Amino acid sequence: MYEFKQFLKFNAVGLLNTAVDYLVFALLTEVLYLPDTPAKLISYSCGILNSYVLNTAWTFRLERKRTPSEVLGFVLVNIVSLGAALVVLYVCRTLLHIETALFRNLIATPISMLINFFGNKLFVFRPKQTK
């Protein structure tokens, strides 16, 4: 039962992170007229900060203390995920000629989410190995 509750918390945080990313991206591109790349850098960073704070304080707070290597791994996985999102935004804008920034972000987000999930699962929050 505990794992199921934790799973629900993790997904709730993920939905909130995505909402934060989309809302900040929309504000920056549609209201402040920032280009895709700086807008995505800022919006994704807001989602990352939200994710780390909520997952460590709420979702995984009983698991173990966070180590510097976990924090570094978390940041590195998110940098790779962000890089993938920026590449997709660029391809959608320049090669596919998709005009709407929010639609480009709609395409980029699932790709970066998959990279983020598997990167965190395989490298950051993997179970500790026993000797």
Foldseek 3Di string as FASTA:
>chain_A
DLVVVLVVQLVVLVVVLVVQLLVQLCCCCVVVVDDLLVSNVVSNVVSLVSNVVSCCVPNCVPPDDDDPVLVVLLVVLSVVLSVQLVVQLCCCCPVVVDPDSSVSSVVSVVSSVVSNVCSCDPPRPDDDDDD
